[in-house]
Structures are given as structure tokens and as C-alpha cells.
Amino acid sequence: MDPAAVQLYAWARAQTSKDALFFFPDLAFRYYARRSITHAWKDLSAAIYTRGRLHAEWTRFSRYEHARRDPTTLVELARAERIDYIVRYRDEATLPLPVAYENWGYLVYRVAR
């Protein structure tokens, strides 16, 4: 497992509230950090079995994925949806938010409400 990710998970578990919501579509983060994430592609598979839910979940998933590509849209979405933290890979565009945690692989931004 990536050592930068292991450190990220440990930080989130130790330094954030158990009810914190993270914008980071990574199932490993959900599992190892024991924190909620906004979305993950695998969540769509569960929606297949619920009539009418797949379209709503796909729309939600697409909105989040679109926001990942545009920092302004991402910050606006995070504030509107009461997301507490945004996790970004180091090679992604930076955000105009305070950094809550960083290591060589990730930046975690705190979203002000």
C-alpha cells in the first residue's frame, strides 16, 4: 500500500471528527480512514438493484466528478453540500482553501462553512 495514503488515512482517523465528510472518491479511504466520502464508482453498483435510484446516483456521481476538474466549481459544491474536507493528489490543481494536512502524495483542504 502507498505509504503516503497510509499516512493520510491515519491522519484522518486521528485528527478529524468521526462524522466528517470528505470529497475523495476512494473506497480505500472510506475503509482505512473510517470516514465518510462523497462518492465512489462502486456506490453505483448498489444503486442498480433499487428501482429508480440508479439515475439519481449517476447524476450525483457525475456532478461530483465534473467538479473535480474545476477548482472553483469544486469549492462551491463543497460549501453547498456541507463537505468538511477535500482531498487532492499533489499533481492536481490547488484550491483557495486552508490546508489541513499534507504529505508528499496528498493535500487535504478544510472547507469553511
N, C-alpha and C. Protein backbone atom coordinates (compact mmCIF):
# COMPACT_ATOMS: atom_id res chain seq x y z
N MET A 1 0.85 -1.18 0.00
CA MET A 1 0.00 0.00 0.00
C MET A 1 0.89 1.24 0.00
N ASP A 2 0.44 2.27 -0.69
CA ASP A 2 1.17 3.53 -0.80
C ASP A 2 1.38 4.16 0.57
N PRO A 3 2.63 4.40 0.98
CA PRO A 3 2.90 4.99 2.30
C PRO A 3 2.25 6.37 2.50
N ALA A 4 2.16 7.16 1.45
CA ALA A 4 1.50 8.47 1.56
C ALA A 4 0.02 8.30 1.88
N ALA A 5 -0.61 7.30 1.28
CA ALA A 5 -2.02 7.03 1.55
C ALA A 5 -2.20 6.52 2.98
N VAL A 6 -1.31 5.66 3.44
CA VAL A 6 -1.39 5.15 4.81
C VAL A 6 -1.32 6.30 5.81
N GLN A 7 -0.42 7.24 5.56
CA GLN A 7 -0.31 8.41 6.45
C GLN A 7 -1.58 9.27 6.39
N LEU A 8 -2.13 9.43 5.20
CA LEU A 8 -3.37 10.18 5.03
C LEU A 8 -4.49 9.54 5.83
N TYR A 9 -4.66 8.23 5.72
CA TYR A 9 -5.72 7.53 6.44
C TYR A 9 -5.54 7.69 7.95
N ALA A 10 -4.30 7.54 8.41
CA ALA A 10 -4.03 7.66 9.85
C ALA A 10 -4.35 9.08 10.35
N TRP A 11 -3.96 10.08 9.57
CA TRP A 11 -4.26 11.46 9.96
C TRP A 11 -5.77 11.66 10.06
N ALA A 12 -6.50 11.24 9.06
CA ALA A 12 -7.96 11.44 9.06
C ALA A 12 -8.60 10.74 10.25
N ARG A 13 -8.17 9.53 10.55
CA ARG A 13 -8.73 8.79 11.69
C ARG A 13 -8.44 9.49 13.01
N ALA A 14 -7.22 10.00 13.15
CA ALA A 14 -6.79 10.57 14.43
C ALA A 14 -7.16 12.04 14.61
N GLN A 15 -7.26 12.80 13.52
CA GLN A 15 -7.36 14.25 13.64
C GLN A 15 -8.68 14.85 13.16
N THR A 16 -9.61 14.04 12.72
CA THR A 16 -10.88 14.58 12.25
C THR A 16 -12.04 13.90 12.98
N SER A 17 -13.14 14.59 12.99
CA SER A 17 -14.35 14.07 13.63
C SER A 17 -14.84 12.82 12.91
N LYS A 18 -15.42 11.90 13.66
CA LYS A 18 -15.94 10.67 13.07
C LYS A 18 -17.06 10.94 12.07
N ASP A 19 -17.71 12.07 12.19
CA ASP A 19 -18.79 12.39 11.25
C ASP A 19 -18.35 13.34 10.13
N ALA A 20 -17.04 13.55 9.99
CA ALA A 20 -16.52 14.40 8.92
C ALA A 20 -16.82 13.77 7.55
N LEU A 21 -17.10 14.64 6.59
CA LEU A 21 -17.37 14.20 5.22
C LEU A 21 -16.24 14.67 4.32
N PHE A 22 -15.65 13.74 3.58
CA PHE A 22 -14.52 14.01 2.70
C PHE A 22 -14.93 13.90 1.24
N PHE A 23 -14.49 14.86 0.44
CA PHE A 23 -14.61 14.76 -1.00
C PHE A 23 -13.35 14.04 -1.48
N PHE A 24 -13.50 12.76 -1.71
CA PHE A 24 -12.38 11.94 -2.17
C PHE A 24 -12.95 10.60 -2.62
N PRO A 25 -13.08 10.37 -3.91
CA PRO A 25 -13.72 9.16 -4.41
C PRO A 25 -12.82 7.93 -4.35
N ASP A 26 -12.46 7.54 -3.15
CA ASP A 26 -11.52 6.44 -2.96
C ASP A 26 -12.08 5.49 -1.89
N LEU A 27 -12.46 4.31 -2.30
CA LEU A 27 -13.02 3.35 -1.36
C LEU A 27 -12.04 2.95 -0.27
N ALA A 28 -10.76 2.90 -0.59
CA ALA A 28 -9.75 2.57 0.42
C ALA A 28 -9.76 3.62 1.53
N PHE A 29 -9.94 4.88 1.16
CA PHE A 29 -10.02 5.93 2.18
C PHE A 29 -11.20 5.68 3.12
N ARG A 30 -12.35 5.38 2.55
CA ARG A 30 -13.54 5.09 3.36
C ARG A 30 -13.24 3.95 4.35
N TYR A 31 -12.59 2.92 3.87
CA TYR A 31 -12.32 1.74 4.70
C TYR A 31 -11.24 2.01 5.76
N TYR A 32 -10.09 2.50 5.33
CA TYR A 32 -8.96 2.63 6.26
C TYR A 32 -9.05 3.87 7.16
N ALA A 33 -9.57 4.96 6.64
CA ALA A 33 -9.69 6.17 7.47
C ALA A 33 -10.94 6.11 8.34
N ARG A 34 -11.87 5.25 7.95
CA ARG A 34 -13.14 5.13 8.68
C ARG A 34 -13.89 6.46 8.71
N ARG A 35 -13.90 7.10 7.56
CA ARG A 35 -14.61 8.37 7.40
C ARG A 35 -15.48 8.30 6.15
N SER A 36 -16.52 9.10 6.14
CA SER A 36 -17.43 9.14 5.01
C SER A 36 -16.82 9.88 3.83
N ILE A 37 -17.12 9.38 2.64
CA ILE A 37 -16.69 10.06 1.42
C ILE A 37 -17.94 10.42 0.62
N THR A 38 -17.79 11.39 -0.25
CA THR A 38 -18.94 11.86 -1.02
C THR A 38 -19.42 10.86 -2.05
N HIS A 39 -18.50 10.16 -2.68
CA HIS A 39 -18.89 9.27 -3.76
C HIS A 39 -17.74 8.34 -4.14
N ALA A 40 -18.11 7.26 -4.77
CA ALA A 40 -17.14 6.32 -5.33
C ALA A 40 -17.85 5.54 -6.43
N TRP A 41 -17.13 5.15 -7.45
CA TRP A 41 -17.75 4.47 -8.58
C TRP A 41 -18.48 3.21 -8.14
N LYS A 42 -17.97 2.54 -7.13
CA LYS A 42 -18.58 1.28 -6.70
C LYS A 42 -19.95 1.50 -6.06
N ASP A 43 -20.20 2.70 -5.55
CA ASP A 43 -21.52 3.00 -5.00
C ASP A 43 -22.61 2.86 -6.06
N LEU A 44 -22.25 3.09 -7.31
CA LEU A 44 -23.23 2.97 -8.39
C LEU A 44 -23.73 1.54 -8.54
N SER A 45 -22.88 0.57 -8.24
CA SER A 45 -23.30 -0.83 -8.40
C SER A 45 -24.43 -1.19 -7.45
N ALA A 46 -24.44 -0.61 -6.25
CA ALA A 46 -25.53 -0.89 -5.31
C ALA A 46 -26.84 -0.28 -5.80
N ALA A 47 -26.76 0.83 -6.50
CA ALA A 47 -27.97 1.50 -6.99
C ALA A 47 -28.68 0.73 -8.10
N ILE A 48 -27.98 -0.16 -8.75
CA ILE A 48 -28.58 -0.95 -9.83
C ILE A 48 -29.77 -1.75 -9.32
N TYR A 49 -29.71 -2.17 -8.08
CA TYR A 49 -30.74 -3.06 -7.53
C TYR A 49 -31.93 -2.32 -6.93
N THR A 50 -31.93 -1.02 -7.00
CA THR A 50 -33.03 -0.23 -6.45
C THR A 50 -33.69 0.53 -7.57
N ARG A 51 -34.93 0.23 -7.83
CA ARG A 51 -35.66 0.85 -8.94
C ARG A 51 -35.62 2.38 -8.81
N GLY A 52 -35.21 3.03 -9.86
CA GLY A 52 -35.22 4.48 -9.90
C GLY A 52 -34.03 5.16 -9.25
N ARG A 53 -33.26 4.44 -8.48
CA ARG A 53 -32.15 5.07 -7.77
C ARG A 53 -30.91 5.25 -8.64
N LEU A 54 -30.72 4.40 -9.62
CA LEU A 54 -29.51 4.45 -10.44
C LEU A 54 -29.36 5.80 -11.14
N HIS A 55 -30.42 6.28 -11.73
CA HIS A 55 -30.34 7.57 -12.44
C HIS A 55 -29.94 8.69 -11.48
N ALA A 56 -30.55 8.73 -10.31
CA ALA A 56 -30.23 9.77 -9.32
C ALA A 56 -28.77 9.65 -8.85
N GLU A 57 -28.32 8.43 -8.61
CA GLU A 57 -26.94 8.23 -8.17
C GLU A 57 -25.95 8.58 -9.28
N TRP A 58 -26.28 8.22 -10.52
CA TRP A 58 -25.40 8.56 -11.65
C TRP A 58 -25.30 10.07 -11.82
N THR A 59 -26.41 10.76 -11.69
CA THR A 59 -26.42 12.21 -11.80
C THR A 59 -25.55 12.83 -10.71
N ARG A 60 -25.71 12.35 -9.50
CA ARG A 60 -24.92 12.84 -8.37
C ARG A 60 -23.43 12.57 -8.59
N PHE A 61 -23.11 11.33 -8.97
CA PHE A 61 -21.73 10.94 -9.22
C PHE A 61 -21.11 11.82 -10.31
N SER A 62 -21.83 12.03 -11.39
CA SER A 62 -21.33 12.85 -12.50
C SER A 62 -21.09 14.29 -12.07
N ARG A 63 -21.98 14.84 -11.24
CA ARG A 63 -21.80 16.21 -10.75
C ARG A 63 -20.51 16.32 -9.94
N TYR A 64 -20.26 15.35 -9.08
CA TYR A 64 -19.03 15.35 -8.28
C TYR A 64 -17.79 15.21 -9.15
N GLU A 65 -17.84 14.30 -10.10
CA GLU A 65 -16.69 14.09 -10.97
C GLU A 65 -16.41 15.32 -11.84
N HIS A 66 -17.44 15.96 -12.32
CA HIS A 66 -17.25 17.20 -13.08
C HIS A 66 -16.60 18.26 -12.21
N ALA A 67 -17.03 18.38 -10.98
CA ALA A 67 -16.48 19.39 -10.07
C ALA A 67 -15.00 19.15 -9.78
N ARG A 68 -14.57 17.91 -9.80
CA ARG A 68 -13.15 17.61 -9.55
C ARG A 68 -12.23 18.32 -10.54
N ARG A 69 -12.72 18.54 -11.74
CA ARG A 69 -11.89 19.12 -12.80
C ARG A 69 -11.81 20.64 -12.76
N ASP A 70 -12.68 21.29 -11.98
CA ASP A 70 -12.71 22.75 -11.93
C ASP A 70 -12.66 23.21 -10.47
N PRO A 71 -11.53 23.78 -10.03
CA PRO A 71 -11.39 24.17 -8.63
C PRO A 71 -12.50 25.08 -8.10
N THR A 72 -12.94 26.04 -8.90
CA THR A 72 -13.99 26.96 -8.45
C THR A 72 -15.30 26.20 -8.22
N THR A 73 -15.67 25.36 -9.16
CA THR A 73 -16.88 24.57 -9.03
C THR A 73 -16.78 23.61 -7.83
N LEU A 74 -15.62 23.02 -7.64
CA LEU A 74 -15.41 22.09 -6.54
C LEU A 74 -15.62 22.77 -5.19
N VAL A 75 -15.03 23.94 -5.01
CA VAL A 75 -15.17 24.66 -3.74
C VAL A 75 -16.63 25.06 -3.52
N GLU A 76 -17.28 25.54 -4.55
CA GLU A 76 -18.70 25.92 -4.43
C GLU A 76 -19.56 24.72 -4.06
N LEU A 77 -19.34 23.59 -4.71
CA LEU A 77 -20.08 22.38 -4.42
C LEU A 77 -19.83 21.92 -2.98
N ALA A 78 -18.58 21.95 -2.57
CA ALA A 78 -18.24 21.51 -1.22
C ALA A 78 -18.95 22.36 -0.17
N ARG A 79 -18.98 23.65 -0.38
CA ARG A 79 -19.68 24.52 0.58
C ARG A 79 -21.18 24.27 0.56
N ALA A 80 -21.75 24.12 -0.62
CA ALA A 80 -23.20 23.91 -0.74
C ALA A 80 -23.62 22.57 -0.12
N GLU A 81 -22.77 21.57 -0.22
CA GLU A 81 -23.13 20.23 0.26
C GLU A 81 -22.56 19.93 1.63
N ARG A 82 -22.01 20.93 2.29
CA ARG A 82 -21.51 20.80 3.66
C ARG A 82 -20.42 19.73 3.80
N ILE A 83 -19.55 19.70 2.80
CA ILE A 83 -18.40 18.80 2.82
C ILE A 83 -17.33 19.44 3.70
N ASP A 84 -16.71 18.65 4.56
CA ASP A 84 -15.74 19.19 5.52
C ASP A 84 -14.34 19.30 4.97
N TYR A 85 -13.92 18.31 4.17
CA TYR A 85 -12.56 18.28 3.65
C TYR A 85 -12.56 17.85 2.19
N ILE A 86 -11.60 18.37 1.45
CA ILE A 86 -11.37 17.95 0.07
C ILE A 86 -9.96 17.39 0.00
N VAL A 87 -9.84 16.15 -0.45
CA VAL A 87 -8.53 15.52 -0.61
C VAL A 87 -8.15 15.61 -2.08
N ARG A 88 -6.94 16.08 -2.34
CA ARG A 88 -6.43 16.20 -3.71
C ARG A 88 -5.07 15.52 -3.79
N TYR A 89 -4.82 14.91 -4.95
CA TYR A 89 -3.47 14.41 -5.22
C TYR A 89 -2.56 15.61 -5.44
N ARG A 90 -1.30 15.46 -5.12
CA ARG A 90 -0.34 16.57 -5.25
C ARG A 90 -0.28 17.15 -6.66
N ASP A 91 -0.52 16.33 -7.67
CA ASP A 91 -0.40 16.83 -9.04
C ASP A 91 -1.68 17.49 -9.57
N GLU A 92 -2.72 17.57 -8.74
CA GLU A 92 -3.96 18.24 -9.15
C GLU A 92 -3.87 19.72 -8.82
N ALA A 93 -4.72 20.51 -9.44
CA ALA A 93 -4.74 21.96 -9.20
C ALA A 93 -5.00 22.25 -7.73
N THR A 94 -4.33 23.28 -7.22
CA THR A 94 -4.53 23.68 -5.83
C THR A 94 -5.86 24.41 -5.68
N LEU A 95 -6.32 24.50 -4.45
CA LEU A 95 -7.59 25.15 -4.15
C LEU A 95 -7.37 26.36 -3.25
N PRO A 96 -8.25 27.34 -3.33
CA PRO A 96 -8.12 28.54 -2.50
C PRO A 96 -8.73 28.33 -1.10
N LEU A 97 -8.26 27.28 -0.43
CA LEU A 97 -8.73 26.93 0.90
C LEU A 97 -7.53 26.63 1.80
N PRO A 98 -7.73 26.71 3.12
CA PRO A 98 -6.61 26.38 4.01
C PRO A 98 -6.28 24.88 3.95
N VAL A 99 -5.00 24.59 4.02
CA VAL A 99 -4.54 23.21 4.02
C VAL A 99 -4.60 22.67 5.45
N ALA A 100 -5.32 21.57 5.62
CA ALA A 100 -5.45 20.94 6.94
C ALA A 100 -4.38 19.88 7.15
N TYR A 101 -3.94 19.27 6.05
CA TYR A 101 -2.93 18.21 6.13
C TYR A 101 -2.28 18.09 4.76
N GLU A 102 -1.00 17.73 4.78
CA GLU A 102 -0.31 17.45 3.52
C GLU A 102 0.82 16.48 3.75
N ASN A 103 1.11 15.71 2.72
CA ASN A 103 2.31 14.89 2.66
C ASN A 103 2.77 14.88 1.21
N TRP A 104 3.72 14.03 0.87
CA TRP A 104 4.27 14.07 -0.48
C TRP A 104 3.29 13.60 -1.55
N GLY A 105 2.19 12.99 -1.17
CA GLY A 105 1.25 12.50 -2.16
C GLY A 105 -0.09 13.22 -2.20
N TYR A 106 -0.44 13.89 -1.10
CA TYR A 106 -1.79 14.44 -0.97
C TYR A 106 -1.80 15.80 -0.30
N LEU A 107 -2.83 16.56 -0.63
CA LEU A 107 -3.18 17.79 0.09
C LEU A 107 -4.61 17.64 0.56
N VAL A 108 -4.88 18.01 1.80
CA VAL A 108 -6.25 17.97 2.32
C VAL A 108 -6.61 19.40 2.69
N TYR A 109 -7.70 19.87 2.10
CA TYR A 109 -8.17 21.23 2.33
C TYR A 109 -9.36 21.22 3.28
N ARG A 110 -9.39 22.17 4.19
CA ARG A 110 -10.53 22.33 5.10
C ARG A 110 -11.51 23.29 4.44
N VAL A 111 -12.76 22.88 4.35
CA VAL A 111 -13.79 23.72 3.72
C VAL A 111 -14.48 24.52 4.83
N ALA A 112 -14.39 25.83 4.72
CA ALA A 112 -15.06 26.71 5.69
C ALA A 112 -16.55 26.75 5.40
N ARG A 113 -17.32 26.78 6.44
CA ARG A 113 -18.78 26.85 6.26
C ARG A 113 -19.28 28.24 6.50
